[in-house]
Amino acid sequence: GILSDAAIGHGLTWENDPYWTYWVTKSFLIFTV
């Protein structure tokens, strides 16, 4: 999920970088939920 978000969402569609704290926090959120 975080790979899909990084590549398709933030890379291909938005073309922005929310920075590494976003990826770490969201990975834990996905795992938890």
Full PDB file with SEQRES, HELIX, SHEET, SSBOND, CRYST1, ORIGX, SCALE, CONECT and MASTER records, all heavy atoms in Angstrom:
SEQRES   1 A   33  GLY ILE LEU SER ASP ALA ALA ILE GLY HIS GLY LEU THR          
SEQRES   2 A   33  TRP GLU ASN ASP PRO TYR TRP THR TYR TRP VAL THR LYS          
SEQRES   3 A   33  SER PHE LEU ILE PHE THR VAL                                  
HELIX    1 AA1 ILE A    2  SER A    4  1                                   3    
HELIX    2 AA2 ASP A    5  THR A   13  3                                   9    
HELIX    3 AA3 TRP A   20  THR A   32  1                                  13    
CRYST1    1.000    1.000    1.000  90.00  90.00  90.00 P 1           1          
ORIGX1      1.000000  0.000000  0.000000        0.00000                         
ORIGX2      0.000000  1.000000  0.000000        0.00000                         
ORIGX3      0.000000  0.000000  1.000000        0.00000                         
SCALE1      1.000000  0.000000  0.000000        0.00000                         
SCALE2      0.000000  1.000000  0.000000        0.00000                         
SCALE3      0.000000  0.000000  1.000000        0.00000                         
ATOM      1  N   GLY A   1       0.808  -1.210   0.000  1.00  0.00           N  
ATOM      2  CA  GLY A   1       0.000   0.000   0.000  1.00  0.00           C  
ATOM      3  C   GLY A   1       0.842   1.261   0.000  1.00  0.00           C  
ATOM      4  O   GLY A   1       0.562   2.209  -0.747  1.00  0.00           O  
ATOM      5  N   ILE A   2       1.887   1.296   0.831  1.00  0.00           N  
ATOM      6  CA  ILE A   2       2.717   2.503   0.870  1.00  0.00           C  
ATOM      7  C   ILE A   2       3.513   2.638  -0.412  1.00  0.00           C  
ATOM      8  O   ILE A   2       3.784   3.756  -0.882  1.00  0.00           O  
ATOM      9  CB  ILE A   2       3.647   2.480   2.111  1.00  0.00           C  
ATOM     10  CG1 ILE A   2       4.086   3.905   2.468  1.00  0.00           C  
ATOM     11  CG2 ILE A   2       4.849   1.585   1.896  1.00  0.00           C  
ATOM     12  CD1 ILE A   2       2.992   4.774   2.973  1.00  0.00           C  
ATOM     13  N   LEU A   3       3.894   1.505  -1.037  1.00  0.00           N  
ATOM     14  CA  LEU A   3       4.556   1.562  -2.334  1.00  0.00           C  
ATOM     15  C   LEU A   3       3.614   2.120  -3.396  1.00  0.00           C  
ATOM     16  O   LEU A   3       3.995   2.986  -4.198  1.00  0.00           O  
ATOM     17  CB  LEU A   3       5.036   0.168  -2.737  1.00  0.00           C  
ATOM     18  CG  LEU A   3       5.590   0.029  -4.157  1.00  0.00           C  
ATOM     19  CD1 LEU A   3       6.823   0.897  -4.342  1.00  0.00           C  
ATOM     20  CD2 LEU A   3       5.913  -1.432  -4.462  1.00  0.00           C  
ATOM     21  N   SER A   4       2.375   1.644  -3.416  1.00  0.00           N  
ATOM     22  CA  SER A   4       1.389   2.149  -4.365  1.00  0.00           C  
ATOM     23  C   SER A   4       1.120   3.625  -4.142  1.00  0.00           C  
ATOM     24  O   SER A   4       0.991   4.408  -5.094  1.00  0.00           O  
ATOM     25  CB  SER A   4       0.092   1.338  -4.233  1.00  0.00           C  
ATOM     26  OG  SER A   4      -0.927   1.855  -5.050  1.00  0.00           O  
ATOM     27  N   ASP A   5       1.037   4.045  -2.891  1.00  0.00           N  
ATOM     28  CA  ASP A   5       0.803   5.446  -2.570  1.00  0.00           C  
ATOM     29  C   ASP A   5       1.959   6.309  -3.063  1.00  0.00           C  
ATOM     30  O   ASP A   5       1.753   7.363  -3.675  1.00  0.00           O  
ATOM     31  CB  ASP A   5       0.627   5.595  -1.060  1.00  0.00           C  
ATOM     32  CG  ASP A   5       0.320   7.026  -0.641  1.00  0.00           C  
ATOM     33  OD1 ASP A   5      -0.341   7.737  -1.420  1.00  0.00           O  
ATOM     34  OD2 ASP A   5       0.730   7.433   0.460  1.00  0.00           O  
ATOM     35  N   ALA A   6       3.191   5.864  -2.794  1.00  0.00           N  
ATOM     36  CA  ALA A   6       4.362   6.642  -3.192  1.00  0.00           C  
ATOM     37  C   ALA A   6       4.461   6.766  -4.707  1.00  0.00           C  
ATOM     38  O   ALA A   6       4.698   7.862  -5.245  1.00  0.00           O  
ATOM     39  CB  ALA A   6       5.630   6.000  -2.626  1.00  0.00           C  
ATOM     40  N   ALA A   7       4.283   5.635  -5.417  1.00  0.00           N  
ATOM     41  CA  ALA A   7       4.498   5.636  -6.853  1.00  0.00           C  
ATOM     42  C   ALA A   7       3.315   6.207  -7.619  1.00  0.00           C  
ATOM     43  O   ALA A   7       3.468   7.176  -8.387  1.00  0.00           O  
ATOM     44  CB  ALA A   7       4.787   4.208  -7.331  1.00  0.00           C  
ATOM     45  N   ILE A   8       2.124   5.632  -7.433  1.00  0.00           N  
ATOM     46  CA  ILE A   8       0.970   6.025  -8.232  1.00  0.00           C  
ATOM     47  C   ILE A   8       0.340   7.316  -7.711  1.00  0.00           C  
ATOM     48  O   ILE A   8      -0.064   8.180  -8.489  1.00  0.00           O  
ATOM     49  CB  ILE A   8      -0.086   4.898  -8.258  1.00  0.00           C  
ATOM     50  CG1 ILE A   8       0.560   3.571  -8.660  1.00  0.00           C  
ATOM     51  CG2 ILE A   8      -1.222   5.262  -9.202  1.00  0.00           C  
ATOM     52  CD1 ILE A   8       1.226   3.596 -10.008  1.00  0.00           C  
ATOM     53  N   GLY A   9       0.239   7.458  -6.375  1.00  0.00           N  
ATOM     54  CA  GLY A   9      -0.390   8.643  -5.812  1.00  0.00           C  
ATOM     55  C   GLY A   9       0.509   9.861  -5.855  1.00  0.00           C  
ATOM     56  O   GLY A   9       0.267  10.817  -6.610  1.00  0.00           O  
ATOM     57  N   HIS A  10       1.579   9.835  -5.079  1.00  0.00           N  
ATOM     58  CA  HIS A  10       2.428  11.023  -4.939  1.00  0.00           C  
ATOM     59  C   HIS A  10       3.417  11.179  -6.084  1.00  0.00           C  
ATOM     60  O   HIS A  10       3.879  12.297  -6.336  1.00  0.00           O  
ATOM     61  CB  HIS A  10       3.168  10.971  -3.608  1.00  0.00           C  
ATOM     62  CG  HIS A  10       2.278  11.190  -2.423  1.00  0.00           C  
ATOM     63  ND1 HIS A  10       1.936  12.445  -1.982  1.00  0.00           N  
ATOM     64  CD2 HIS A  10       1.633  10.311  -1.614  1.00  0.00           C  
ATOM     65  CE1 HIS A  10       1.133  12.344  -0.936  1.00  0.00           C  
ATOM     66  NE2 HIS A  10       0.929  11.050  -0.701  1.00  0.00           N  
ATOM     67  N   GLY A  11       3.777  10.101  -6.775  1.00  0.00           N  
ATOM     68  CA  GLY A  11       4.715  10.216  -7.874  1.00  0.00           C  
ATOM     69  C   GLY A  11       4.049  10.522  -9.200  1.00  0.00           C  
ATOM     70  O   GLY A  11       4.297  11.563  -9.812  1.00  0.00           O  
ATOM     71  N   LEU A  12       3.183   9.626  -9.654  1.00  0.00           N  
ATOM     72  CA  LEU A  12       2.589   9.747 -10.979  1.00  0.00           C  
ATOM     73  C   LEU A  12       1.452  10.764 -11.031  1.00  0.00           C  
ATOM     74  O   LEU A  12       1.308  11.487 -12.016  1.00  0.00           O  
ATOM     75  CB  LEU A  12       2.081   8.374 -11.431  1.00  0.00           C  
ATOM     76  CG  LEU A  12       1.468   8.269 -12.825  1.00  0.00           C  
ATOM     77  CD1 LEU A  12       2.493   8.653 -13.884  1.00  0.00           C  
ATOM     78  CD2 LEU A  12       0.948   6.862 -13.073  1.00  0.00           C  
ATOM     79  N   THR A  13       0.635  10.849  -9.983  1.00  0.00           N  
ATOM     80  CA  THR A  13      -0.569  11.687 -10.031  1.00  0.00           C  
ATOM     81  C   THR A  13      -0.334  13.084  -9.460  1.00  0.00           C  
ATOM     82  O   THR A  13      -0.630  14.090 -10.111  1.00  0.00           O  
ATOM     83  CB  THR A  13      -1.715  10.996  -9.274  1.00  0.00           C  
ATOM     84  OG1 THR A  13      -1.893   9.678  -9.797  1.00  0.00           O  
ATOM     85  CG2 THR A  13      -3.010  11.775  -9.432  1.00  0.00           C  
ATOM     86  N   TRP A  14       0.184  13.179  -8.230  1.00  0.00           N  
ATOM     87  CA  TRP A  14       0.406  14.499  -7.624  1.00  0.00           C  
ATOM     88  C   TRP A  14       1.786  15.067  -7.942  1.00  0.00           C  
ATOM     89  O   TRP A  14       1.966  16.269  -7.977  1.00  0.00           O  
ATOM     90  CB  TRP A  14       0.242  14.432  -6.104  1.00  0.00           C  
ATOM     91  CG  TRP A  14      -1.169  14.403  -5.648  1.00  0.00           C  
ATOM     92  CD1 TRP A  14      -2.179  15.236  -6.027  1.00  0.00           C  
ATOM     93  CD2 TRP A  14      -1.743  13.490  -4.695  1.00  0.00           C  
ATOM     94  NE1 TRP A  14      -3.339  14.911  -5.382  1.00  0.00           N  
ATOM     95  CE2 TRP A  14      -3.102  13.840  -4.549  1.00  0.00           C  
ATOM     96  CE3 TRP A  14      -1.249  12.422  -3.956  1.00  0.00           C  
ATOM     97  CZ2 TRP A  14      -3.957  13.157  -3.695  1.00  0.00           C  
ATOM     98  CZ3 TRP A  14      -2.096  11.736  -3.111  1.00  0.00           C  
ATOM     99  CH2 TRP A  14      -3.443  12.104  -2.983  1.00  0.00           C  
ATOM    100  N   GLU A  15       2.789  14.199  -8.079  1.00  0.00           N  
ATOM    101  CA  GLU A  15       4.168  14.619  -8.301  1.00  0.00           C  
ATOM    102  C   GLU A  15       4.639  15.549  -7.184  1.00  0.00           C  
ATOM    103  O   GLU A  15       5.050  16.686  -7.401  1.00  0.00           O  
ATOM    104  CB  GLU A  15       4.315  15.298  -9.660  1.00  0.00           C  
ATOM    105  CG  GLU A  15       5.659  15.046 -10.339  1.00  0.00           C  
ATOM    106  CD  GLU A  15       6.723  16.073  -9.996  1.00  0.00           C  
ATOM    107  OE1 GLU A  15       6.375  17.265  -9.942  1.00  0.00           O  
ATOM    108  OE2 GLU A  15       7.883  15.690  -9.790  1.00  0.00           O  
ATOM    109  N   ASN A  16       4.521  15.051  -5.942  1.00  0.00           N  
ATOM    110  CA  ASN A  16       5.029  15.808  -4.805  1.00  0.00           C  
ATOM    111  C   ASN A  16       5.671  14.853  -3.803  1.00  0.00           C  
ATOM    112  O   ASN A  16       5.579  13.635  -3.936  1.00  0.00           O  
ATOM    113  CB  ASN A  16       3.931  16.651  -4.146  1.00  0.00           C  
ATOM    114  CG  ASN A  16       2.798  15.798  -3.595  1.00  0.00           C  
ATOM    115  OD1 ASN A  16       2.900  14.585  -3.450  1.00  0.00           O  
ATOM    116  ND2 ASN A  16       1.681  16.441  -3.281  1.00  0.00           N  
ATOM    117  N   ASP A  17       6.322  15.410  -2.824  1.00  0.00           N  
ATOM    118  CA  ASP A  17       7.084  14.617  -1.858  1.00  0.00           C  
ATOM    119  C   ASP A  17       6.690  15.049  -0.448  1.00  0.00           C  
ATOM    120  O   ASP A  17       7.077  16.123   0.010  1.00  0.00           O  
ATOM    121  CB  ASP A  17       8.578  14.852  -2.082  1.00  0.00           C  
ATOM    122  CG  ASP A  17       9.450  14.032  -1.133  1.00  0.00           C  
ATOM    123  OD1 ASP A  17       8.904  13.251  -0.340  1.00  0.00           O  
ATOM    124  OD2 ASP A  17      10.688  14.180  -1.196  1.00  0.00           O  
ATOM    125  N   PRO A  18       5.907  14.235   0.265  1.00  0.00           N  
ATOM    126  CA  PRO A  18       5.522  14.607   1.631  1.00  0.00           C  
ATOM    127  C   PRO A  18       6.612  14.370   2.670  1.00  0.00           C  
ATOM    128  O   PRO A  18       6.412  14.671   3.842  1.00  0.00           O  
ATOM    129  CB  PRO A  18       4.293  13.734   1.907  1.00  0.00           C  
ATOM    130  CG  PRO A  18       4.348  12.629   0.935  1.00  0.00           C  
ATOM    131  CD  PRO A  18       5.210  13.029  -0.206  1.00  0.00           C  
ATOM    132  N   TYR A  19       7.743  13.808   2.288  1.00  0.00           N  
ATOM    133  CA  TYR A  19       8.935  13.608   3.117  1.00  0.00           C  
ATOM    134  C   TYR A  19       8.816  12.338   3.950  1.00  0.00           C  
ATOM    135  O   TYR A  19       7.749  11.746   4.082  1.00  0.00           O  
ATOM    136  CB  TYR A  19       9.210  14.833   3.994  1.00  0.00           C  
ATOM    137  CG  TYR A  19      10.673  15.067   4.268  1.00  0.00           C  
ATOM    138  CD1 TYR A  19      11.631  14.929   3.273  1.00  0.00           C  
ATOM    139  CD2 TYR A  19      11.121  15.426   5.534  1.00  0.00           C  
ATOM    140  CE1 TYR A  19      12.969  15.153   3.528  1.00  0.00           C  
ATOM    141  CE2 TYR A  19      12.468  15.667   5.790  1.00  0.00           C  
ATOM    142  CZ  TYR A  19      13.386  15.511   4.784  1.00  0.00           C  
ATOM    143  OH  TYR A  19      14.707  15.720   5.044  1.00  0.00           O  
ATOM    144  N   TRP A  20       9.969  11.923   4.498  1.00  0.00           N  
ATOM    145  CA  TRP A  20      10.081  10.571   5.058  1.00  0.00           C  
ATOM    146  C   TRP A  20       9.201  10.363   6.279  1.00  0.00           C  
ATOM    147  O   TRP A  20       8.739   9.246   6.528  1.00  0.00           O  
ATOM    148  CB  TRP A  20      11.538  10.256   5.398  1.00  0.00           C  
ATOM    149  CG  TRP A  20      12.158  11.108   6.466  1.00  0.00           C  
ATOM    150  CD1 TRP A  20      12.867  12.253   6.288  1.00  0.00           C  
ATOM    151  CD2 TRP A  20      12.131  10.874   7.882  1.00  0.00           C  
ATOM    152  NE1 TRP A  20      13.284  12.764   7.491  1.00  0.00           N  
ATOM    153  CE2 TRP A  20      12.855  11.936   8.491  1.00  0.00           C  
ATOM    154  CE3 TRP A  20      11.586   9.883   8.689  1.00  0.00           C  
ATOM    155  CZ2 TRP A  20      13.028  12.023   9.863  1.00  0.00           C  
ATOM    156  CZ3 TRP A  20      11.761   9.978  10.069  1.00  0.00           C  
ATOM    157  CH2 TRP A  20      12.480  11.036  10.636  1.00  0.00           C  
ATOM    158  N   THR A  21       8.907  11.416   7.057  1.00  0.00           N  
ATOM    159  CA  THR A  21       8.067  11.213   8.240  1.00  0.00           C  
ATOM    160  C   THR A  21       6.650  10.795   7.853  1.00  0.00           C  
ATOM    161  O   THR A  21       5.995  10.045   8.579  1.00  0.00           O  
ATOM    162  CB  THR A  21       8.009  12.501   9.077  1.00  0.00           C  
ATOM    163  OG1 THR A  21       7.762  13.613   8.209  1.00  0.00           O  
ATOM    164  CG2 THR A  21       9.317  12.720   9.808  1.00  0.00           C  
ATOM    165  N   TYR A  22       6.175  11.263   6.711  1.00  0.00           N  
ATOM    166  CA  TYR A  22       4.862  10.861   6.207  1.00  0.00           C  
ATOM    167  C   TYR A  22       4.853   9.371   5.903  1.00  0.00           C  
ATOM    168  O   TYR A  22       3.923   8.650   6.285  1.00  0.00           O  
ATOM    169  CB  TYR A  22       4.536  11.674   4.962  1.00  0.00           C  
ATOM    170  CG  TYR A  22       3.320  11.195   4.200  1.00  0.00           C  
ATOM    171  CD1 TYR A  22       2.055  11.697   4.495  1.00  0.00           C  
ATOM    172  CD2 TYR A  22       3.427  10.259   3.175  1.00  0.00           C  
ATOM    173  CE1 TYR A  22       0.934  11.272   3.792  1.00  0.00           C  
ATOM    174  CE2 TYR A  22       2.322   9.832   2.462  1.00  0.00           C  
ATOM    175  CZ  TYR A  22       1.083  10.336   2.776  1.00  0.00           C  
ATOM    176  OH  TYR A  22      -0.015   9.901   2.075  1.00  0.00           O  
ATOM    177  N   TRP A  23       5.883   8.889   5.226  1.00  0.00           N  
ATOM    178  CA  TRP A  23       5.920   7.469   4.846  1.00  0.00           C  
ATOM    179  C   TRP A  23       5.981   6.571   6.082  1.00  0.00           C  
ATOM    180  O   TRP A  23       5.309   5.543   6.136  1.00  0.00           O  
ATOM    181  CB  TRP A  23       7.114   7.199   3.936  1.00  0.00           C  
ATOM    182  CG  TRP A  23       7.178   8.089   2.730  1.00  0.00           C  
ATOM    183  CD1 TRP A  23       8.179   8.960   2.404  1.00  0.00           C  
ATOM    184  CD2 TRP A  23       6.189   8.222   1.704  1.00  0.00           C  
ATOM    185  NE1 TRP A  23       7.879   9.629   1.248  1.00  0.00           N  
ATOM    186  CE2 TRP A  23       6.668   9.193   0.785  1.00  0.00           C  
ATOM    187  CE3 TRP A  23       4.959   7.628   1.468  1.00  0.00           C  
ATOM    188  CZ2 TRP A  23       5.958   9.568  -0.340  1.00  0.00           C  
ATOM    189  CZ3 TRP A  23       4.250   7.993   0.340  1.00  0.00           C  
ATOM    190  CH2 TRP A  23       4.741   8.948  -0.544  1.00  0.00           C  
ATOM    191  N   VAL A  24       6.788   6.955   7.058  1.00  0.00           N  
ATOM    192  CA  VAL A  24       6.899   6.135   8.270  1.00  0.00           C  
ATOM    193  C   VAL A  24       5.572   6.131   9.028  1.00  0.00           C  
ATOM    194  O   VAL A  24       5.055   5.071   9.424  1.00  0.00           O  
ATOM    195  CB  VAL A  24       8.036   6.656   9.167  1.00  0.00           C  
ATOM    196  CG1 VAL A  24       8.041   5.930  10.503  1.00  0.00           C  
ATOM    197  CG2 VAL A  24       9.381   6.474   8.467  1.00  0.00           C  
ATOM    198  N   THR A  25       5.004   7.321   9.238  1.00  0.00           N  
ATOM    199  CA  THR A  25       3.745   7.407   9.988  1.00  0.00           C  
ATOM    200  C   THR A  25       2.627   6.652   9.283  1.00  0.00           C  
ATOM    201  O   THR A  25       1.871   5.899   9.910  1.00  0.00           O  
ATOM    202  CB  THR A  25       3.343   8.885  10.166  1.00  0.00           C  
ATOM    203  OG1 THR A  25       4.398   9.588  10.821  1.00  0.00           O  
ATOM    204  CG2 THR A  25       2.076   9.008  10.986  1.00  0.00           C  
ATOM    205  N   LYS A  26       2.522   6.832   7.978  1.00  0.00           N  
ATOM    206  CA  LYS A  26       1.434   6.179   7.256  1.00  0.00           C  
ATOM    207  C   LYS A  26       1.613   4.667   7.209  1.00  0.00           C  
ATOM    208  O   LYS A  26       0.626   3.923   7.253  1.00  0.00           O  
ATOM    209  CB  LYS A  26       1.340   6.735   5.834  1.00  0.00           C  
ATOM    210  CG  LYS A  26       0.128   6.198   5.081  1.00  0.00           C  
ATOM    211  CD  LYS A  26      -0.134   6.932   3.797  1.00  0.00           C  
ATOM    212  CE  LYS A  26      -1.382   6.386   3.108  1.00  0.00           C  
ATOM    213  NZ  LYS A  26      -1.699   7.111   1.875  1.00  0.00           N  
ATOM    214  N   SER A  27       2.853   4.182   7.124  1.00  0.00           N  
ATOM    215  CA  SER A  27       3.077   2.732   7.137  1.00  0.00           C  
ATOM    216  C   SER A  27       2.581   2.111   8.434  1.00  0.00           C  
ATOM    217  O   SER A  27       1.920   1.061   8.426  1.00  0.00           O  
ATOM    218  CB  SER A  27       4.566   2.424   6.942  1.00  0.00           C  
ATOM    219  OG  SER A  27       5.011   2.852   5.675  1.00  0.00           O  
ATOM    220  N   PHE A  28       2.876   2.766   9.558  1.00  0.00           N  
ATOM    221  CA  PHE A  28       2.376   2.262  10.840  1.00  0.00           C  
ATOM    222  C   PHE A  28       0.854   2.336  10.899  1.00  0.00           C  
ATOM    223  O   PHE A  28       0.192   1.454  11.451  1.00  0.00           O  
ATOM    224  CB  PHE A  28       2.992   3.045  11.997  1.00  0.00           C  
ATOM    225  CG  PHE A  28       4.359   2.570  12.384  1.00  0.00           C  
ATOM    226  CD1 PHE A  28       5.488   3.333  12.124  1.00  0.00           C  
ATOM    227  CD2 PHE A  28       4.526   1.345  13.016  1.00  0.00           C  
ATOM    228  CE1 PHE A  28       6.749   2.886  12.477  1.00  0.00           C  
ATOM    229  CE2 PHE A  28       5.781   0.894  13.380  1.00  0.00           C  
ATOM    230  CZ  PHE A  28       6.903   1.664  13.105  1.00  0.00           C  
ATOM    231  N   LEU A  29       0.272   3.400  10.333  1.00  0.00           N  
ATOM    232  CA  LEU A  29      -1.180   3.525  10.327  1.00  0.00           C  
ATOM    233  C   LEU A  29      -1.828   2.413   9.507  1.00  0.00           C  
ATOM    234  O   LEU A  29      -2.818   1.804   9.937  1.00  0.00           O  
ATOM    235  CB  LEU A  29      -1.576   4.895   9.770  1.00  0.00           C  
ATOM    236  CG  LEU A  29      -3.085   5.152   9.631  1.00  0.00           C  
ATOM    237  CD1 LEU A  29      -3.763   5.097  10.995  1.00  0.00           C  
ATOM    238  CD2 LEU A  29      -3.343   6.486   8.951  1.00  0.00           C  
ATOM    239  N   ILE A  30      -1.285   2.130   8.325  1.00  0.00           N  
ATOM    240  CA  ILE A  30      -1.826   1.052   7.498  1.00  0.00           C  
ATOM    241  C   ILE A  30      -1.741  -0.270   8.238  1.00  0.00           C  
ATOM    242  O   ILE A  30      -2.708  -1.048   8.285  1.00  0.00           O  
ATOM    243  CB  ILE A  30      -1.074   0.967   6.154  1.00  0.00           C  
ATOM    244  CG1 ILE A  30      -1.236   2.255   5.355  1.00  0.00           C  
ATOM    245  CG2 ILE A  30      -1.590  -0.208   5.331  1.00  0.00           C  
ATOM    246  CD1 ILE A  30      -0.358   2.311   4.122  1.00  0.00           C  
ATOM    247  N   PHE A  31      -0.592  -0.539   8.821  1.00  0.00           N  
ATOM    248  CA  PHE A  31      -0.399  -1.805   9.545  1.00  0.00           C  
ATOM    249  C   PHE A  31      -1.406  -1.926  10.684  1.00  0.00           C  
ATOM    250  O   PHE A  31      -2.016  -2.986  10.890  1.00  0.00           O  
ATOM    251  CB  PHE A  31       1.037  -1.871  10.081  1.00  0.00           C  
ATOM    252  CG  PHE A  31       1.479  -3.255  10.454  1.00  0.00           C  
ATOM    253  CD1 PHE A  31       2.428  -3.912   9.699  1.00  0.00           C  
ATOM    254  CD2 PHE A  31       0.955  -3.900  11.570  1.00  0.00           C  
ATOM    255  CE1 PHE A  31       2.846  -5.196  10.034  1.00  0.00           C  
ATOM    256  CE2 PHE A  31       1.368  -5.166  11.916  1.00  0.00           C  
ATOM    257  CZ  PHE A  31       2.306  -5.823  11.148  1.00  0.00           C  
ATOM    258  N   THR A  32      -1.597  -0.843  11.419  1.00  0.00           N  
ATOM    259  CA  THR A  32      -2.516  -0.884  12.561  1.00  0.00           C  
ATOM    260  C   THR A  32      -3.953  -1.117  12.121  1.00  0.00           C  
ATOM    261  O   THR A  32      -4.644  -2.020  12.616  1.00  0.00           O  
ATOM    262  CB  THR A  32      -2.427   0.437  13.348  1.00  0.00           C  
ATOM    263  OG1 THR A  32      -1.092   0.628  13.812  1.00  0.00           O  
ATOM    264  CG2 THR A  32      -3.379   0.415  14.542  1.00  0.00           C  
ATOM    265  N   VAL A  33      -4.434  -0.309  11.178  1.00  0.00           N  
ATOM    266  CA  VAL A  33      -5.834  -0.403  10.762  1.00  0.00           C  
ATOM    267  C   VAL A  33      -6.111  -1.735  10.088  1.00  0.00           C  
ATOM    268  O   VAL A  33      -7.119  -2.403  10.389  1.00  0.00           O  
ATOM    269  CB  VAL A  33      -6.190   0.773   9.836  1.00  0.00           C  
ATOM    270  CG1 VAL A  33      -7.597   0.602   9.262  1.00  0.00           C  
ATOM    271  CG2 VAL A  33      -6.087   2.096  10.582  1.00  0.00           C  
TER     272      VAL A  33                                                      
MASTER        0    0    0    3    0    0    0    6  271    1    0    3          
END                                                                             
